Amino acid sequence: MRDREAFVLVVRSVTSAMKGQKLLEQNGITAFVQRNSMPNNTQGCGYALKIYGDVSRAISILSNVGIQVTEIQQGG
């Protein structure tokens, strides 16, 4: 996986997305909050974090503070 590859991490709420963005950026991962254009029933209100960097590390950081990633999309 390339370091600057983009991923979209779908989370359950705008609050989780905003908290996650701040946390990821504090840990050196560029992240942007965005609406998930096609949310389904398991994704809450349909917000996501578009990240550039190590997706496994990002998910681990989010998981450590209780932010659940419900879907991972490549690109975006």
N, C-alpha and C. Protein backbone atom coordinates (compact mmCIF):
# COMPACT_ATOMS: atom_id res chain seq x y z
N MET A 1 0.83 -1.19 0.00
CA MET A 1 0.00 0.00 0.00
C MET A 1 0.87 1.25 0.00
N ARG A 2 0.59 2.16 -0.88
CA ARG A 2 1.36 3.41 -0.92
C ARG A 2 0.91 4.32 0.22
N ASP A 3 1.85 5.13 0.70
CA ASP A 3 1.60 6.00 1.84
C ASP A 3 0.56 7.08 1.56
N ARG A 4 0.47 7.58 0.34
CA ARG A 4 -0.44 8.69 0.04
C ARG A 4 -1.72 8.23 -0.64
N GLU A 5 -2.02 6.95 -0.57
CA GLU A 5 -3.24 6.43 -1.14
C GLU A 5 -4.43 6.91 -0.31
N ALA A 6 -5.52 7.23 -0.97
CA ALA A 6 -6.71 7.73 -0.28
C ALA A 6 -7.64 6.58 0.10
N PHE A 7 -8.22 6.69 1.28
CA PHE A 7 -9.24 5.75 1.76
C PHE A 7 -10.36 6.55 2.40
N VAL A 8 -11.56 6.01 2.34
CA VAL A 8 -12.70 6.62 3.01
C VAL A 8 -13.14 5.65 4.10
N LEU A 9 -13.10 6.13 5.35
CA LEU A 9 -13.50 5.33 6.50
C LEU A 9 -14.86 5.82 6.98
N VAL A 10 -15.88 5.00 6.80
CA VAL A 10 -17.23 5.38 7.19
C VAL A 10 -17.39 5.16 8.69
N VAL A 11 -17.93 6.16 9.38
CA VAL A 11 -18.17 6.09 10.82
C VAL A 11 -19.65 6.35 11.10
N ARG A 12 -20.07 6.19 12.34
CA ARG A 12 -21.49 6.23 12.67
C ARG A 12 -22.11 7.62 12.84
N SER A 13 -21.30 8.64 13.07
CA SER A 13 -21.90 9.96 13.32
C SER A 13 -20.93 11.07 12.93
N VAL A 14 -21.49 12.26 12.79
CA VAL A 14 -20.65 13.42 12.50
C VAL A 14 -19.73 13.70 13.68
N THR A 15 -20.19 13.45 14.89
CA THR A 15 -19.36 13.64 16.08
C THR A 15 -18.14 12.72 16.04
N SER A 16 -18.36 11.45 15.69
CA SER A 16 -17.24 10.52 15.57
C SER A 16 -16.28 10.95 14.47
N ALA A 17 -16.82 11.44 13.37
CA ALA A 17 -15.97 11.89 12.26
C ALA A 17 -15.11 13.07 12.68
N MET A 18 -15.70 14.04 13.37
CA MET A 18 -14.96 15.23 13.79
C MET A 18 -13.90 14.87 14.83
N LYS A 19 -14.26 14.04 15.79
CA LYS A 19 -13.31 13.60 16.81
C LYS A 19 -12.18 12.80 16.15
N GLY A 20 -12.55 11.93 15.22
CA GLY A 20 -11.57 11.10 14.52
C GLY A 20 -10.61 11.93 13.69
N GLN A 21 -11.13 12.95 13.01
CA GLN A 21 -10.27 13.82 12.20
C GLN A 21 -9.20 14.47 13.07
N LYS A 22 -9.60 15.01 14.17
CA LYS A 22 -8.66 15.69 15.06
C LYS A 22 -7.60 14.70 15.58
N LEU A 23 -8.06 13.54 16.00
CA LEU A 23 -7.16 12.53 16.54
C LEU A 23 -6.16 12.04 15.49
N LEU A 24 -6.66 11.76 14.28
CA LEU A 24 -5.78 11.28 13.23
C LEU A 24 -4.73 12.34 12.87
N GLU A 25 -5.16 13.58 12.75
CA GLU A 25 -4.22 14.64 12.40
C GLU A 25 -3.17 14.85 13.50
N GLN A 26 -3.56 14.65 14.76
CA GLN A 26 -2.59 14.73 15.85
C GLN A 26 -1.54 13.62 15.75
N ASN A 27 -1.92 12.55 15.05
CA ASN A 27 -1.02 11.41 14.87
C ASN A 27 -0.39 11.37 13.48
N GLY A 28 -0.44 12.49 12.76
CA GLY A 28 0.26 12.61 11.49
C GLY A 28 -0.44 12.04 10.27
N ILE A 29 -1.75 11.76 10.38
CA ILE A 29 -2.52 11.23 9.25
C ILE A 29 -3.48 12.31 8.78
N THR A 30 -3.33 12.74 7.52
CA THR A 30 -4.22 13.74 6.95
C THR A 30 -5.63 13.17 6.83
N ALA A 31 -6.62 13.90 7.34
CA ALA A 31 -8.00 13.41 7.33
C ALA A 31 -8.98 14.56 7.09
N PHE A 32 -10.04 14.26 6.35
CA PHE A 32 -11.11 15.22 6.06
C PHE A 32 -12.46 14.59 6.36
N VAL A 33 -13.35 15.34 6.99
CA VAL A 33 -14.72 14.88 7.24
C VAL A 33 -15.53 15.10 5.97
N GLN A 34 -16.30 14.09 5.60
CA GLN A 34 -17.19 14.23 4.44
C GLN A 34 -18.45 13.40 4.65
N ARG A 35 -19.50 13.75 3.91
CA ARG A 35 -20.73 12.96 3.93
C ARG A 35 -20.51 11.71 3.10
N ASN A 36 -21.07 10.60 3.56
CA ASN A 36 -21.08 9.38 2.77
C ASN A 36 -22.27 9.50 1.83
N SER A 37 -22.04 9.54 0.54
CA SER A 37 -23.10 9.80 -0.42
C SER A 37 -24.12 8.66 -0.54
N MET A 38 -23.76 7.45 -0.11
CA MET A 38 -24.68 6.32 -0.21
C MET A 38 -24.68 5.50 1.08
N PRO A 39 -25.17 6.08 2.20
CA PRO A 39 -25.16 5.32 3.45
C PRO A 39 -26.17 4.18 3.43
N ASN A 40 -25.89 3.12 4.17
CA ASN A 40 -26.87 2.05 4.33
C ASN A 40 -27.26 1.96 5.80
N ASN A 41 -28.10 1.01 6.15
CA ASN A 41 -28.66 0.92 7.51
C ASN A 41 -27.61 0.72 8.60
N THR A 42 -26.47 0.12 8.28
CA THR A 42 -25.46 -0.15 9.31
C THR A 42 -24.51 1.02 9.53
N GLN A 43 -24.65 2.08 8.77
CA GLN A 43 -23.67 3.17 8.81
C GLN A 43 -24.14 4.40 9.57
N GLY A 44 -25.18 4.31 10.32
CA GLY A 44 -25.64 5.47 11.07
C GLY A 44 -26.06 6.59 10.14
N CYS A 45 -25.63 7.82 10.44
CA CYS A 45 -26.09 8.97 9.66
C CYS A 45 -25.24 9.25 8.43
N GLY A 46 -24.24 8.44 8.17
CA GLY A 46 -23.52 8.53 6.91
C GLY A 46 -22.41 9.55 6.82
N TYR A 47 -21.55 9.61 7.80
CA TYR A 47 -20.37 10.47 7.71
C TYR A 47 -19.13 9.61 7.58
N ALA A 48 -18.09 10.21 7.02
CA ALA A 48 -16.87 9.45 6.78
C ALA A 48 -15.66 10.35 6.94
N LEU A 49 -14.52 9.69 7.05
CA LEU A 49 -13.23 10.36 7.08
C LEU A 49 -12.46 9.94 5.84
N LYS A 50 -12.09 10.89 5.02
CA LYS A 50 -11.22 10.60 3.89
C LYS A 50 -9.81 10.80 4.41
N ILE A 51 -9.01 9.76 4.31
CA ILE A 51 -7.65 9.83 4.86
C ILE A 51 -6.62 9.56 3.77
N TYR A 52 -5.44 10.05 4.02
CA TYR A 52 -4.27 9.78 3.19
C TYR A 52 -3.20 9.22 4.10
N GLY A 53 -2.81 7.99 3.87
CA GLY A 53 -1.78 7.39 4.71
C GLY A 53 -2.09 5.95 5.02
N ASP A 54 -1.56 5.47 6.11
CA ASP A 54 -1.65 4.07 6.52
C ASP A 54 -3.04 3.78 7.08
N VAL A 55 -3.86 3.09 6.31
CA VAL A 55 -5.24 2.81 6.71
C VAL A 55 -5.30 1.92 7.95
N SER A 56 -4.42 0.95 8.06
CA SER A 56 -4.42 0.06 9.23
C SER A 56 -4.12 0.84 10.50
N ARG A 57 -3.16 1.73 10.42
CA ARG A 57 -2.80 2.56 11.58
C ARG A 57 -3.95 3.49 11.94
N ALA A 58 -4.60 4.07 10.94
CA ALA A 58 -5.73 4.97 11.19
C ALA A 58 -6.86 4.24 11.89
N ILE A 59 -7.19 3.05 11.42
CA ILE A 59 -8.27 2.27 12.04
C ILE A 59 -7.91 1.91 13.47
N SER A 60 -6.66 1.57 13.71
CA SER A 60 -6.21 1.24 15.06
C SER A 60 -6.34 2.44 16.00
N ILE A 61 -5.93 3.61 15.52
CA ILE A 61 -6.03 4.83 16.33
C ILE A 61 -7.48 5.11 16.68
N LEU A 62 -8.36 5.02 15.69
CA LEU A 62 -9.78 5.27 15.93
C LEU A 62 -10.38 4.24 16.88
N SER A 63 -10.05 2.99 16.66
CA SER A 63 -10.57 1.91 17.50
C SER A 63 -10.16 2.07 18.97
N ASN A 64 -8.94 2.55 19.20
CA ASN A 64 -8.43 2.72 20.55
C ASN A 64 -9.24 3.72 21.37
N VAL A 65 -9.96 4.62 20.70
CA VAL A 65 -10.79 5.59 21.43
C VAL A 65 -12.29 5.30 21.25
N GLY A 66 -12.61 4.12 20.69
CA GLY A 66 -14.00 3.69 20.59
C GLY A 66 -14.75 4.16 19.35
N ILE A 67 -14.03 4.65 18.34
CA ILE A 67 -14.70 5.06 17.10
C ILE A 67 -14.71 3.87 16.16
N GLN A 68 -15.91 3.39 15.85
CA GLN A 68 -16.07 2.21 15.00
C GLN A 68 -16.12 2.60 13.53
N VAL A 69 -15.27 1.98 12.74
CA VAL A 69 -15.29 2.15 11.28
C VAL A 69 -16.21 1.06 10.73
N THR A 70 -17.30 1.48 10.07
CA THR A 70 -18.29 0.51 9.59
C THR A 70 -18.03 0.05 8.16
N GLU A 71 -17.20 0.81 7.43
CA GLU A 71 -16.88 0.43 6.05
C GLU A 71 -15.61 1.14 5.63
N ILE A 72 -14.82 0.48 4.80
CA ILE A 72 -13.61 1.08 4.24
C ILE A 72 -13.76 1.07 2.73
N GLN A 73 -13.62 2.25 2.13
CA GLN A 73 -13.69 2.38 0.68
C GLN A 73 -12.35 2.89 0.18
N GLN A 74 -11.84 2.28 -0.87
CA GLN A 74 -10.57 2.72 -1.43
C GLN A 74 -10.81 3.85 -2.41
N GLY A 75 -9.92 4.81 -2.40
CA GLY A 75 -10.05 5.95 -3.32
C GLY A 75 -10.97 7.01 -2.75
N GLY A 76 -11.87 7.46 -3.58
CA GLY A 76 -12.84 8.43 -3.10
C GLY A 76 -12.50 9.79 -3.48
